[in-house]
Amino acid sequence: MFEFKELEVSIEDHIAVLTMNSPPVNALTRVLNDELTNALDQISEMDNVRVVILTAKGKVFCAGADLKGRAENIKSPGDLVAHSRRTRECFHAIRECVKPVVVAINGAALGSGMAMIASSDILLASENATVGLPEVDVGLLGGCKHAERLFSHSKLRRIALTGYRVDAKELLRLGVIEYCVPQDELMSKAFELARSIAEKSPVSTKMIKHTLNVIEDLSLRDGYRYEQDMTSQISKTHDAKEAQNAFKEKRKANFLGY
């Protein structure tokens, strides 16, 4: 089903693992960009997947834009517009994937890598991970709007204006990530998180993620009203009734996904 060059995909026990593999530093090439978008779009419609883990091979999560490839892809009028569209749709594919995305940051997540992790739902990192926006050193911009979801006003401007990299221990202190673990424990911790989501009703987790995305930019009144409307929809599903019966009967719920 997935025949990719720079992205490895495995599915087991309702968990899809997407592993970027674009040596040497997993820069966001056009190929990787399109493969990530394609995989996430497919996973959104796969009933056997309930949660996604996004990670990478090697010592770097994603070093940012592929500057060599950028020069090759932007040669004629319209090329830059098309390139920009492809790039932002990759990040939106992560955020808009109907399945929750757990990102396991195995190393530096820079520029586009920062945008990827900011578009994910739950973040954890290895102790050697860092995040940053190095664009100031190469005459570019990118990822600042996504990074606003992670950092305060002053911190983001320090990152963007100086190229400062935030290490995993500081990310944990700031509440940006849930866990900071040794490199060899990263994936086991990611699977632990993913399994805790996969055990829930897929109807509920999909609706919760969708609702969180929608209410993010709404006022308190409009956002909570929307959440109440979604709660009403969830309550009518088989899984909601099963959850309530299982609670009353003190047993594990058997969720069917509708």
Protein backbone atom coordinates (compact mmCIF):
# COMPACT_ATOMS: atom_id res chain seq x y z
CA MET A 1 0.00 0.00 0.00
CA PHE A 2 2.80 2.42 0.91
CA GLU A 3 5.65 2.41 -1.60
CA PHE A 4 7.77 5.37 -0.59
CA LYS A 5 11.41 6.37 -1.05
CA GLU A 6 12.06 8.59 1.95
CA LEU A 7 9.30 7.58 4.37
CA GLU A 8 8.91 4.24 6.11
CA VAL A 9 5.41 3.23 7.23
CA SER A 10 4.42 0.35 9.49
CA ILE A 11 1.04 -0.46 11.03
CA GLU A 12 0.41 -2.75 13.97
CA ASP A 13 -2.20 -2.86 16.76
CA HIS A 14 -4.01 0.22 15.39
CA ILE A 15 -0.78 2.29 15.52
CA ALA A 16 0.85 3.65 12.35
CA VAL A 17 4.52 4.57 12.64
CA LEU A 18 5.83 7.07 10.09
CA THR A 19 9.62 7.21 10.06
CA MET A 20 11.35 9.82 7.95
CA ASN A 21 14.45 8.41 6.28
CA SER A 22 16.08 11.01 4.05
CA PRO A 23 19.82 10.95 4.85
CA PRO A 24 21.87 12.61 6.04
CA VAL A 25 19.67 14.99 8.08
CA ASN A 26 16.08 14.28 6.99
CA ALA A 27 15.74 17.63 5.25
CA LEU A 28 12.23 18.17 3.91
CA THR A 29 12.79 17.29 0.26
CA ARG A 30 9.97 17.49 -2.26
CA VAL A 31 9.77 13.69 -2.22
CA LEU A 32 9.53 13.46 1.59
CA ASN A 33 7.08 16.35 1.69
CA ASP A 34 4.72 14.66 -0.77
CA GLU A 35 5.10 11.22 0.81
CA LEU A 36 4.22 12.54 4.27
CA THR A 37 1.13 14.28 2.89
CA ASN A 38 0.10 11.17 0.95
CA ALA A 39 0.59 8.80 3.91
CA LEU A 40 -1.34 10.99 6.36
CA ASP A 41 -4.20 11.48 3.91
CA GLN A 42 -4.47 7.71 3.45
CA ILE A 43 -4.24 7.03 7.18
CA SER A 44 -7.11 9.44 7.81
CA GLU A 45 -9.39 7.02 5.96
CA MET A 46 -7.96 3.75 7.30
CA ASP A 47 -10.21 2.13 9.90
CA ASN A 48 -7.39 -0.07 11.20
CA VAL A 49 -5.37 2.96 12.34
CA ARG A 50 -6.34 4.88 15.47
CA VAL A 51 -3.16 6.84 16.22
CA VAL A 52 0.05 7.87 14.43
CA ILE A 53 3.63 8.08 15.68
CA LEU A 54 5.84 10.43 13.64
CA THR A 55 9.60 10.11 14.06
CA ALA A 56 12.83 9.87 12.04
CA LYS A 57 15.91 7.73 11.52
CA GLY A 58 19.37 8.92 12.44
CA LYS A 59 20.51 11.66 14.80
CA VAL A 60 18.33 14.44 13.32
CA PHE A 61 14.54 14.62 13.27
CA CYS A 62 14.40 17.17 10.42
CA ALA A 63 17.05 19.77 9.64
CA GLY A 64 14.54 21.97 7.81
CA ALA A 65 14.03 22.84 4.18
CA ASP A 66 16.06 21.11 1.51
CA LEU A 67 17.97 24.15 0.25
CA LYS A 68 19.63 22.30 -2.65
CA GLY A 69 16.31 20.89 -3.78
CA ARG A 70 14.68 24.29 -3.35
CA ALA A 71 17.07 25.77 -5.89
CA GLU A 72 16.36 22.93 -8.31
CA ASN A 73 12.58 23.18 -7.93
CA ILE A 74 12.28 26.97 -8.16
CA LYS A 75 13.45 28.02 -11.61
CA SER A 76 10.42 29.39 -13.45
CA PRO A 77 7.49 31.74 -12.71
CA GLY A 78 4.98 29.97 -10.49
CA ASP A 79 7.49 27.49 -9.08
CA LEU A 80 7.86 29.34 -5.76
CA VAL A 81 4.08 29.55 -5.32
CA ALA A 82 3.71 25.82 -5.99
CA HIS A 83 6.62 24.98 -3.68
CA SER A 84 5.15 27.07 -0.86
CA ARG A 85 1.76 25.43 -1.31
CA ARG A 86 3.19 21.91 -1.18
CA THR A 87 5.17 22.72 1.94
CA ARG A 88 2.32 24.21 3.95
CA GLU A 89 -0.03 21.40 2.94
CA CYS A 90 2.43 18.90 4.42
CA PHE A 91 2.16 20.61 7.81
CA HIS A 92 -1.63 20.88 7.46
CA ALA A 93 -1.75 17.15 6.66
CA ILE A 94 -0.26 16.46 10.10
CA ARG A 95 -2.62 18.82 11.90
CA GLU A 96 -5.68 17.77 9.89
CA CYS A 97 -5.04 14.02 9.98
CA VAL A 98 -8.18 12.77 11.69
CA LYS A 99 -6.07 10.41 13.81
CA PRO A 100 -4.05 11.88 16.71
CA VAL A 101 -0.36 12.29 15.91
CA VAL A 102 2.27 11.60 18.57
CA VAL A 103 5.64 13.01 17.54
CA ALA A 104 8.81 11.39 18.90
CA ILE A 105 11.56 13.96 18.39
CA ASN A 106 14.79 11.97 18.08
CA GLY A 107 17.13 14.90 17.37
CA ALA A 108 17.21 18.43 16.02
CA ALA A 109 13.88 19.71 14.66
CA LEU A 110 14.71 22.89 12.77
CA GLY A 111 12.64 25.14 10.51
CA SER A 112 10.28 22.77 8.74
CA GLY A 113 10.98 20.26 11.49
CA MET A 114 9.73 22.77 14.05
CA ALA A 115 6.56 23.25 11.96
CA MET A 116 6.04 19.48 11.87
CA ILE A 117 6.22 19.01 15.62
CA ALA A 118 4.05 22.08 16.25
CA SER A 119 1.42 20.60 13.92
CA SER A 120 1.35 17.35 15.92
CA ASP A 121 -0.87 16.58 18.89
CA ILE A 122 1.37 15.19 21.62
CA LEU A 123 5.12 15.80 21.77
CA LEU A 124 7.94 13.92 23.45
CA ALA A 125 11.67 14.05 22.84
CA SER A 126 14.95 12.32 23.47
CA GLU A 127 17.47 14.07 25.68
CA ASN A 128 19.59 15.09 22.67
CA ALA A 129 16.72 16.77 20.82
CA THR A 130 16.68 20.49 20.06
CA VAL A 131 14.30 22.77 18.21
CA GLY A 132 15.01 26.02 16.43
CA LEU A 133 14.47 28.33 13.49
CA PRO A 134 17.81 28.78 11.68
CA GLU A 135 16.26 30.65 8.74
CA VAL A 136 17.70 33.97 9.97
CA ASP A 137 21.15 32.65 8.99
CA VAL A 138 20.20 31.71 5.42
CA GLY A 139 18.06 34.65 4.40
CA LEU A 140 14.71 32.94 4.81
CA LEU A 141 11.67 32.80 7.07
CA GLY A 142 9.46 29.89 8.02
CA GLY A 143 7.81 28.09 10.89
CA CYS A 144 7.25 31.13 13.13
CA LYS A 145 3.46 30.91 12.97
CA HIS A 146 3.58 27.22 13.85
CA ALA A 147 6.05 27.91 16.65
CA GLU A 148 3.58 30.38 18.19
CA ARG A 149 1.65 27.30 19.31
CA LEU A 150 4.66 26.21 21.39
CA PHE A 151 6.44 29.29 22.72
CA SER A 152 5.78 32.58 24.47
CA HIS A 153 6.14 35.97 22.77
CA SER A 154 9.70 36.68 23.96
CA LYS A 155 10.98 33.12 23.58
CA LEU A 156 9.77 32.84 19.99
CA ARG A 157 11.36 36.11 19.01
CA ARG A 158 14.64 35.08 20.58
CA ILE A 159 14.52 31.82 18.62
CA ALA A 160 13.62 33.52 15.33
CA LEU A 161 15.95 36.53 15.61
CA THR A 162 19.06 34.81 16.95
CA GLY A 163 18.80 31.21 15.76
CA TYR A 164 18.80 30.05 19.39
CA ARG A 165 18.07 26.34 19.79
CA VAL A 166 15.96 25.12 22.68
CA ASP A 167 17.13 21.82 24.14
CA ALA A 168 14.88 19.00 25.33
CA LYS A 169 15.28 19.73 29.04
CA GLU A 170 14.15 23.32 28.52
CA LEU A 171 11.28 22.13 26.30
CA LEU A 172 10.12 19.94 29.18
CA ARG A 173 10.47 22.79 31.68
CA LEU A 174 8.42 25.06 29.43
CA GLY A 175 5.71 22.43 29.02
CA VAL A 176 6.26 22.14 25.27
CA ILE A 177 6.86 18.38 25.44
CA GLU A 178 5.37 15.73 27.70
CA TYR A 179 8.51 13.67 28.25
CA CYS A 180 12.28 14.00 27.89
CA VAL A 181 13.80 10.53 27.86
CA PRO A 182 17.08 8.83 26.90
CA GLN A 183 17.39 8.16 23.18
CA ASP A 184 16.98 4.40 23.58
CA GLU A 185 13.71 4.86 25.49
CA LEU A 186 12.10 7.31 23.06
CA MET A 187 10.10 4.89 20.93
CA SER A 188 8.96 2.74 23.85
CA LYS A 189 7.59 5.87 25.52
CA ALA A 190 5.97 6.95 22.25
CA PHE A 191 4.29 3.55 21.92
CA GLU A 192 3.11 3.76 25.52
CA LEU A 193 1.40 7.06 24.72
CA ALA A 194 0.05 5.78 21.41
CA ARG A 195 -1.40 2.64 22.99
CA SER A 196 -3.20 4.70 25.62
CA ILE A 197 -4.93 6.57 22.77
CA ALA A 198 -5.56 3.48 20.64
CA GLU A 199 -7.45 1.89 23.55
CA LYS A 200 -10.04 4.67 23.49
CA SER A 201 -13.01 4.92 21.16
CA PRO A 202 -11.73 6.00 17.73
CA VAL A 203 -14.96 7.95 17.29
CA SER A 204 -14.20 9.98 20.38
CA THR A 205 -10.50 10.56 19.68
CA LYS A 206 -11.19 11.68 16.12
CA MET A 207 -13.96 14.03 17.25
CA ILE A 208 -11.87 15.39 20.11
CA LYS A 209 -8.95 16.19 17.78
CA HIS A 210 -11.28 17.79 15.24
CA THR A 211 -12.94 19.85 17.96
CA LEU A 212 -9.62 21.01 19.42
CA ASN A 213 -8.49 22.12 15.96
CA VAL A 214 -11.69 24.06 15.35
CA ILE A 215 -11.95 25.81 18.73
CA GLU A 216 -8.27 26.80 18.83
CA ASP A 217 -8.96 30.18 17.24
CA LEU A 218 -12.52 30.73 18.50
CA SER A 219 -13.67 32.87 21.40
CA LEU A 220 -14.48 31.21 24.72
CA ARG A 221 -18.23 31.49 24.07
CA ASP A 222 -18.12 30.19 20.49
CA GLY A 223 -15.52 27.54 21.24
CA TYR A 224 -17.38 26.03 24.16
CA ARG A 225 -20.67 26.14 22.27
CA TYR A 226 -19.02 24.19 19.44
CA GLU A 227 -17.59 21.70 21.94
CA GLN A 228 -21.06 21.20 23.43
CA ASP A 229 -22.46 20.51 19.96
CA MET A 230 -19.76 17.91 19.34
CA THR A 231 -20.45 16.33 22.73
CA SER A 232 -24.07 15.93 21.69
CA GLN A 233 -22.95 14.14 18.51
CA ILE A 234 -20.56 11.83 20.35
CA SER A 235 -23.22 10.87 22.88
CA LYS A 236 -25.37 9.38 20.12
CA THR A 237 -22.71 6.91 18.93
CA HIS A 238 -22.51 3.21 19.71
CA ASP A 239 -19.10 3.69 21.34
CA ALA A 240 -20.43 6.31 23.76
CA LYS A 241 -23.21 4.00 24.88
CA GLU A 242 -20.72 1.12 25.17
CA ALA A 243 -18.39 3.28 27.30
CA GLN A 244 -21.21 4.15 29.68
CA ASN A 245 -22.37 0.53 29.95
CA ALA A 246 -18.81 -0.68 30.53
CA PHE A 247 -18.38 1.90 33.29
CA LYS A 248 -21.58 0.78 35.01
CA GLU A 249 -20.70 -2.91 34.63
CA LYS A 250 -17.07 -2.37 35.70
CA ARG A 251 -15.60 -4.00 32.60
CA LYS A 252 -13.35 -3.01 29.69
CA ALA A 253 -15.24 -1.36 26.85
CA ASN A 254 -15.35 -2.95 23.42
CA PHE A 255 -15.18 -0.07 20.96
CA LEU A 256 -16.29 -0.65 17.37
CA GLY A 257 -15.58 2.77 15.92
CA TYR A 258 -19.09 4.06 15.23
